[in-house]
Amino acid sequence: MPKKIRELKVMLRQAGWQLIAGGKGSHSKWQHDAVQRTIILAGNDGDDAKQYQEKDVMRAAREAQTK
């Protein structure tokens, strides 16, 4: 069963990522001080996350923990 977008946002917050301005519509933009890239999540909180979104968030959380 896929995770919800809200669950991915919680995972990012717990890993130290911060929501920043700039996302349009249902897109949200995330940044971490120690990681050189930005994560963009598309979808409303209640939507099912796509598999690539889950993988991207997992990878981003691991990157943040290693830095």
PDB file of N, CA and C in Angstrom:
ATOM      1  N   MET A   1       0.848  -1.174   0.000  1.00  0.00           N
ATOM      2  CA  MET A   1       0.000   0.000   0.000  1.00  0.00           C
ATOM      3  C   MET A   1       0.897   1.243   0.000  1.00  0.00           C
ATOM      4  N   PRO A   2       0.657   2.169  -0.919  1.00  0.00           N
ATOM      5  CA  PRO A   2       1.524   3.353  -0.990  1.00  0.00           C
ATOM      6  C   PRO A   2       1.315   4.289   0.193  1.00  0.00           C
ATOM      7  N   LYS A   3       2.356   5.011   0.524  1.00  0.00           N
ATOM      8  CA  LYS A   3       2.266   6.013   1.578  1.00  0.00           C
ATOM      9  C   LYS A   3       1.494   7.222   1.055  1.00  0.00           C
ATOM     10  N   LYS A   4       0.996   8.019   1.960  1.00  0.00           N
ATOM     11  CA  LYS A   4       0.340   9.266   1.611  1.00  0.00           C
ATOM     12  C   LYS A   4       1.386  10.374   1.548  1.00  0.00           C
ATOM     13  N   ILE A   5       1.071  11.428   0.820  1.00  0.00           N
ATOM     14  CA  ILE A   5       1.987  12.563   0.709  1.00  0.00           C
ATOM     15  C   ILE A   5       2.273  13.142   2.098  1.00  0.00           C
ATOM     16  N   ARG A   6       1.268  13.185   2.963  1.00  0.00           N
ATOM     17  CA  ARG A   6       1.483  13.735   4.317  1.00  0.00           C
ATOM     18  C   ARG A   6       2.521  12.924   5.087  1.00  0.00           C
ATOM     19  N   GLU A   7       2.560  11.604   4.865  1.00  0.00           N
ATOM     20  CA  GLU A   7       3.543  10.756   5.536  1.00  0.00           C
ATOM     21  C   GLU A   7       4.958  11.065   5.041  1.00  0.00           C
ATOM     22  N   LEU A   8       5.098  11.342   3.745  1.00  0.00           N
ATOM     23  CA  LEU A   8       6.410  11.703   3.208  1.00  0.00           C
ATOM     24  C   LEU A   8       6.888  13.033   3.777  1.00  0.00           C
ATOM     25  N   LYS A   9       5.961  13.966   3.949  1.00  0.00           N
ATOM     26  CA  LYS A   9       6.311  15.271   4.534  1.00  0.00           C
ATOM     27  C   LYS A   9       6.790  15.103   5.974  1.00  0.00           C
ATOM     28  N   VAL A  10       6.141  14.234   6.723  1.00  0.00           N
ATOM     29  CA  VAL A  10       6.558  13.964   8.107  1.00  0.00           C
ATOM     30  C   VAL A  10       7.959  13.358   8.118  1.00  0.00           C
ATOM     31  N   MET A  11       8.224  12.440   7.202  1.00  0.00           N
ATOM     32  CA  MET A  11       9.546  11.818   7.123  1.00  0.00           C
ATOM     33  C   MET A  11      10.624  12.863   6.830  1.00  0.00           C
ATOM     34  N   LEU A  12      10.325  13.791   5.933  1.00  0.00           N
ATOM     35  CA  LEU A  12      11.288  14.839   5.615  1.00  0.00           C
ATOM     36  C   LEU A  12      11.539  15.732   6.825  1.00  0.00           C
ATOM     37  N   ARG A  13      10.461  16.135   7.512  1.00  0.00           N
ATOM     38  CA  ARG A  13      10.625  16.984   8.703  1.00  0.00           C
ATOM     39  C   ARG A  13      11.464  16.291   9.769  1.00  0.00           C
ATOM     40  N   GLN A  14      11.228  15.018   9.989  1.00  0.00           N
ATOM     41  CA  GLN A  14      11.971  14.273  10.998  1.00  0.00           C
ATOM     42  C   GLN A  14      13.442  14.141  10.627  1.00  0.00           C
ATOM     43  N   ALA A  15      13.753  14.176   9.336  1.00  0.00           N
ATOM     44  CA  ALA A  15      15.135  14.070   8.878  1.00  0.00           C
ATOM     45  C   ALA A  15      15.820  15.432   8.837  1.00  0.00           C
ATOM     46  N   GLY A  16      15.101  16.497   9.216  1.00  0.00           N
ATOM     47  CA  GLY A  16      15.710  17.815   9.283  1.00  0.00           C
ATOM     48  C   GLY A  16      15.475  18.697   8.071  1.00  0.00           C
ATOM     49  N   TRP A  17      14.645  18.267   7.143  1.00  0.00           N
ATOM     50  CA  TRP A  17      14.329  19.071   5.967  1.00  0.00           C
ATOM     51  C   TRP A  17      13.321  20.146   6.354  1.00  0.00           C
ATOM     52  N   GLN A  18      13.383  21.286   5.658  1.00  0.00           N
ATOM     53  CA  GLN A  18      12.487  22.404   5.953  1.00  0.00           C
ATOM     54  C   GLN A  18      11.696  22.766   4.701  1.00  0.00           C
ATOM     55  N   LEU A  19      10.436  23.068   4.907  1.00  0.00           N
ATOM     56  CA  LEU A  19       9.575  23.527   3.824  1.00  0.00           C
ATOM     57  C   LEU A  19       9.962  24.962   3.495  1.00  0.00           C
ATOM     58  N   ILE A  20      10.196  25.241   2.215  1.00  0.00           N
ATOM     59  CA  ILE A  20      10.567  26.602   1.813  1.00  0.00           C
ATOM     60  C   ILE A  20       9.544  27.130   0.815  1.00  0.00           C
ATOM     61  N   ALA A  21       9.555  28.418   0.625  1.00  0.00           N
ATOM     62  CA  ALA A  21       8.622  29.059  -0.305  1.00  0.00           C
ATOM     63  C   ALA A  21       9.001  28.707  -1.741  1.00  0.00           C
ATOM     64  N   GLY A  22       8.034  28.747  -2.618  1.00  0.00           N
ATOM     65  CA  GLY A  22       8.331  28.544  -4.024  1.00  0.00           C
ATOM     66  C   GLY A  22       7.540  27.445  -4.694  1.00  0.00           C
ATOM     67  N   GLY A  23       6.906  26.584  -3.935  1.00  0.00           N
ATOM     68  CA  GLY A  23       6.092  25.544  -4.550  1.00  0.00           C
ATOM     69  C   GLY A  23       4.783  26.134  -5.064  1.00  0.00           C
ATOM     70  N   LYS A  24       4.361  25.700  -6.241  1.00  0.00           N
ATOM     71  CA  LYS A  24       3.122  26.237  -6.810  1.00  0.00           C
ATOM     72  C   LYS A  24       2.029  25.184  -6.756  1.00  0.00           C
ATOM     73  N   GLY A  25       0.840  25.604  -6.436  1.00  0.00           N
ATOM     74  CA  GLY A  25      -0.289  24.685  -6.391  1.00  0.00           C
ATOM     75  C   GLY A  25      -0.091  23.615  -5.336  1.00  0.00           C
ATOM     76  N   SER A  26      -0.145  22.362  -5.754  1.00  0.00           N
ATOM     77  CA  SER A  26      -0.016  21.260  -4.796  1.00  0.00           C
ATOM     78  C   SER A  26       1.439  20.832  -4.608  1.00  0.00           C
ATOM     79  N   HIS A  27       2.379  21.572  -5.187  1.00  0.00           N
ATOM     80  CA  HIS A  27       3.794  21.237  -5.057  1.00  0.00           C
ATOM     81  C   HIS A  27       4.374  21.890  -3.806  1.00  0.00           C
ATOM     82  N   SER A  28       5.211  21.148  -3.096  1.00  0.00           N
ATOM     83  CA  SER A  28       5.906  21.715  -1.941  1.00  0.00           C
ATOM     84  C   SER A  28       7.403  21.517  -2.145  1.00  0.00           C
ATOM     85  N   LYS A  29       8.175  22.501  -1.732  1.00  0.00           N
ATOM     86  CA  LYS A  29       9.611  22.528  -1.968  1.00  0.00           C
ATOM     87  C   LYS A  29      10.330  22.399  -0.630  1.00  0.00           C
ATOM     88  N   TRP A  30      11.305  21.464  -0.550  1.00  0.00           N
ATOM     89  CA  TRP A  30      11.994  21.144   0.689  1.00  0.00           C
ATOM     90  C   TRP A  30      13.499  21.322   0.526  1.00  0.00           C
ATOM     91  N   GLN A  31      14.134  21.824   1.569  1.00  0.00           N
ATOM     92  CA  GLN A  31      15.572  22.061   1.536  1.00  0.00           C
ATOM     93  C   GLN A  31      16.186  21.650   2.864  1.00  0.00           C
ATOM     94  N   HIS A  32      17.440  21.183   2.805  1.00  0.00           N
ATOM     95  CA  HIS A  32      18.193  20.804   4.001  1.00  0.00           C
ATOM     96  C   HIS A  32      19.512  21.565   3.969  1.00  0.00           C
ATOM     97  N   ASP A  33      19.956  22.038   5.124  1.00  0.00           N
ATOM     98  CA  ASP A  33      21.177  22.845   5.187  1.00  0.00           C
ATOM     99  C   ASP A  33      22.418  22.077   4.735  1.00  0.00           C
ATOM    100  N   ALA A  34      22.486  20.791   5.006  1.00  0.00           N
ATOM    101  CA  ALA A  34      23.690  20.009   4.715  1.00  0.00           C
ATOM    102  C   ALA A  34      23.643  19.294   3.362  1.00  0.00           C
ATOM    103  N   VAL A  35      22.514  19.328   2.681  1.00  0.00           N
ATOM    104  CA  VAL A  35      22.371  18.612   1.418  1.00  0.00           C
ATOM    105  C   VAL A  35      22.246  19.635   0.295  1.00  0.00           C
ATOM    106  N   GLN A  36      22.924  19.398  -0.810  1.00  0.00           N
ATOM    107  CA  GLN A  36      23.011  20.373  -1.891  1.00  0.00           C
ATOM    108  C   GLN A  36      21.871  20.317  -2.905  1.00  0.00           C
ATOM    109  N   ARG A  37      20.808  19.617  -2.603  1.00  0.00           N
ATOM    110  CA  ARG A  37      19.714  19.554  -3.564  1.00  0.00           C
ATOM    111  C   ARG A  37      18.388  19.885  -2.897  1.00  0.00           C
ATOM    112  N   THR A  38      17.385  20.095  -3.724  1.00  0.00           N
ATOM    113  CA  THR A  38      16.051  20.427  -3.263  1.00  0.00           C
ATOM    114  C   THR A  38      15.110  19.285  -3.633  1.00  0.00           C
ATOM    115  N   ILE A  39      14.175  19.005  -2.745  1.00  0.00           N
ATOM    116  CA  ILE A  39      13.160  17.981  -2.995  1.00  0.00           C
ATOM    117  C   ILE A  39      11.847  18.703  -3.296  1.00  0.00           C
ATOM    118  N   ILE A  40      11.165  18.272  -4.345  1.00  0.00           N
ATOM    119  CA  ILE A  40       9.851  18.821  -4.655  1.00  0.00           C
ATOM    120  C   ILE A  40       8.850  17.678  -4.624  1.00  0.00           C
ATOM    121  N   LEU A  41       7.831  17.834  -3.782  1.00  0.00           N
ATOM    122  CA  LEU A  41       6.749  16.836  -3.693  1.00  0.00           C
ATOM    123  C   LEU A  41       5.509  17.407  -4.366  1.00  0.00           C
ATOM    124  N   ALA A  42       4.946  16.642  -5.268  1.00  0.00           N
ATOM    125  CA  ALA A  42       3.719  17.044  -5.947  1.00  0.00           C
ATOM    126  C   ALA A  42       2.566  16.219  -5.399  1.00  0.00           C
ATOM    127  N   GLY A  43       1.484  16.891  -5.058  1.00  0.00           N
ATOM    128  CA  GLY A  43       0.292  16.200  -4.583  1.00  0.00           C
ATOM    129  C   GLY A  43      -0.218  16.783  -3.287  1.00  0.00           C
ATOM    130  N   ASN A  44      -1.496  16.587  -3.053  1.00  0.00           N
ATOM    131  CA  ASN A  44      -2.117  17.032  -1.811  1.00  0.00           C
ATOM    132  C   ASN A  44      -1.857  16.008  -0.716  1.00  0.00           C
ATOM    133  N   ASP A  45      -2.005  16.422   0.539  1.00  0.00           N
ATOM    134  CA  ASP A  45      -1.667  15.573   1.671  1.00  0.00           C
ATOM    135  C   ASP A  45      -2.356  14.212   1.651  1.00  0.00           C
ATOM    136  N   GLY A  46      -3.578  14.132   1.206  1.00  0.00           N
ATOM    137  CA  GLY A  46      -4.320  12.878   1.221  1.00  0.00           C
ATOM    138  C   GLY A  46      -4.087  11.990   0.014  1.00  0.00           C
ATOM    139  N   ASP A  47      -3.312  12.471  -0.957  1.00  0.00           N
ATOM    140  CA  ASP A  47      -3.048  11.685  -2.166  1.00  0.00           C
ATOM    141  C   ASP A  47      -2.055  10.565  -1.890  1.00  0.00           C
ATOM    142  N   ASP A  48      -2.185   9.474  -2.637  1.00  0.00           N
ATOM    143  CA  ASP A  48      -1.188   8.405  -2.574  1.00  0.00           C
ATOM    144  C   ASP A  48       0.081   8.893  -3.250  1.00  0.00           C
ATOM    145  N   ALA A  49       1.217   8.597  -2.628  1.00  0.00           N
ATOM    146  CA  ALA A  49       2.506   8.984  -3.204  1.00  0.00           C
ATOM    147  C   ALA A  49       2.879   8.006  -4.307  1.00  0.00           C
ATOM    148  N   LYS A  50       3.537   8.516  -5.302  1.00  0.00           N
ATOM    149  CA  LYS A  50       4.060   7.667  -6.374  1.00  0.00           C
ATOM    150  C   LYS A  50       5.302   6.954  -5.850  1.00  0.00           C
ATOM    151  N   GLN A  51       5.646   5.846  -6.486  1.00  0.00           N
ATOM    152  CA  GLN A  51       6.795   5.059  -6.035  1.00  0.00           C
ATOM    153  C   GLN A  51       8.089   5.873  -6.119  1.00  0.00           C
ATOM    154  N   TYR A  52       8.257   6.668  -7.173  1.00  0.00           N
ATOM    155  CA  TYR A  52       9.472   7.462  -7.300  1.00  0.00           C
ATOM    156  C   TYR A  52       9.562   8.523  -6.201  1.00  0.00           C
ATOM    157  N   GLN A  53       8.416   9.026  -5.731  1.00  0.00           N
ATOM    158  CA  GLN A  53       8.432  10.012  -4.656  1.00  0.00           C
ATOM    159  C   GLN A  53       8.896   9.373  -3.352  1.00  0.00           C
ATOM    160  N   GLU A  54       8.408   8.169  -3.078  1.00  0.00           N
ATOM    161  CA  GLU A  54       8.826   7.460  -1.866  1.00  0.00           C
ATOM    162  C   GLU A  54      10.324   7.200  -1.894  1.00  0.00           C
ATOM    163  N   LYS A  55      10.840   6.737  -3.030  1.00  0.00           N
ATOM    164  CA  LYS A  55      12.271   6.466  -3.153  1.00  0.00           C
ATOM    165  C   LYS A  55      13.091   7.736  -2.977  1.00  0.00           C
ATOM    166  N   ASP A  56      12.622   8.834  -3.565  1.00  0.00           N
ATOM    167  CA  ASP A  56      13.347  10.096  -3.474  1.00  0.00           C
ATOM    168  C   ASP A  56      13.405  10.599  -2.032  1.00  0.00           C
ATOM    169  N   VAL A  57      12.300  10.476  -1.307  1.00  0.00           N
ATOM    170  CA  VAL A  57      12.262  10.922   0.091  1.00  0.00           C
ATOM    171  C   VAL A  57      13.152  10.026   0.959  1.00  0.00           C
ATOM    172  N   MET A  58      13.123   8.732   0.722  1.00  0.00           N
ATOM    173  CA  MET A  58      13.983   7.820   1.493  1.00  0.00           C
ATOM    174  C   MET A  58      15.463   8.154   1.256  1.00  0.00           C
ATOM    175  N   ARG A  59      15.815   8.396   0.003  1.00  0.00           N
ATOM    176  CA  ARG A  59      17.194   8.745  -0.345  1.00  0.00           C
ATOM    177  C   ARG A  59      17.583  10.075   0.309  1.00  0.00           C
ATOM    178  N   ALA A  60      16.683  11.038   0.294  1.00  0.00           N
ATOM    179  CA  ALA A  60      16.954  12.347   0.888  1.00  0.00           C
ATOM    180  C   ALA A  60      17.130  12.236   2.400  1.00  0.00           C
ATOM    181  N   ALA A  61      16.327  11.417   3.049  1.00  0.00           N
ATOM    182  CA  ALA A  61      16.452  11.230   4.499  1.00  0.00           C
ATOM    183  C   ALA A  61      17.794  10.602   4.846  1.00  0.00           C
ATOM    184  N   ARG A  62      18.226   9.615   4.044  1.00  0.00           N
ATOM    185  CA  ARG A  62      19.531   8.987   4.281  1.00  0.00           C
ATOM    186  C   ARG A  62      20.668   9.986   4.070  1.00  0.00           C
ATOM    187  N   GLU A  63      20.567  10.798   3.034  1.00  0.00           N
ATOM    188  CA  GLU A  63      21.603  11.811   2.769  1.00  0.00           C
ATOM    189  C   GLU A  63      21.720  12.785   3.940  1.00  0.00           C
ATOM    190  N   ALA A  64      20.594  13.191   4.475  1.00  0.00           N
ATOM    191  CA  ALA A  64      20.593  14.167   5.572  1.00  0.00           C
ATOM    192  C   ALA A  64      21.188  13.565   6.838  1.00  0.00           C
ATOM    193  N   GLN A  65      20.976  12.283   7.061  1.00  0.00           N
ATOM    194  CA  GLN A  65      21.490  11.644   8.281  1.00  0.00           C
ATOM    195  C   GLN A  65      22.998  11.411   8.201  1.00  0.00           C
ATOM    196  N   THR A  66      23.529  11.253   7.010  1.00  0.00           N
ATOM    197  CA  THR A  66      24.957  10.992   6.862  1.00  0.00           C
ATOM    198  C   THR A  66      25.787  12.261   6.886  1.00  0.00           C
ATOM    199  N   LYS A  67      25.146  13.401   6.803  1.00  0.00           N
ATOM    200  CA  LYS A  67      25.888  14.675   6.777  1.00  0.00           C
ATOM    201  C   LYS A  67      25.880  15.335   8.120  1.00  0.00           C
TER     202      LYS A  67
END
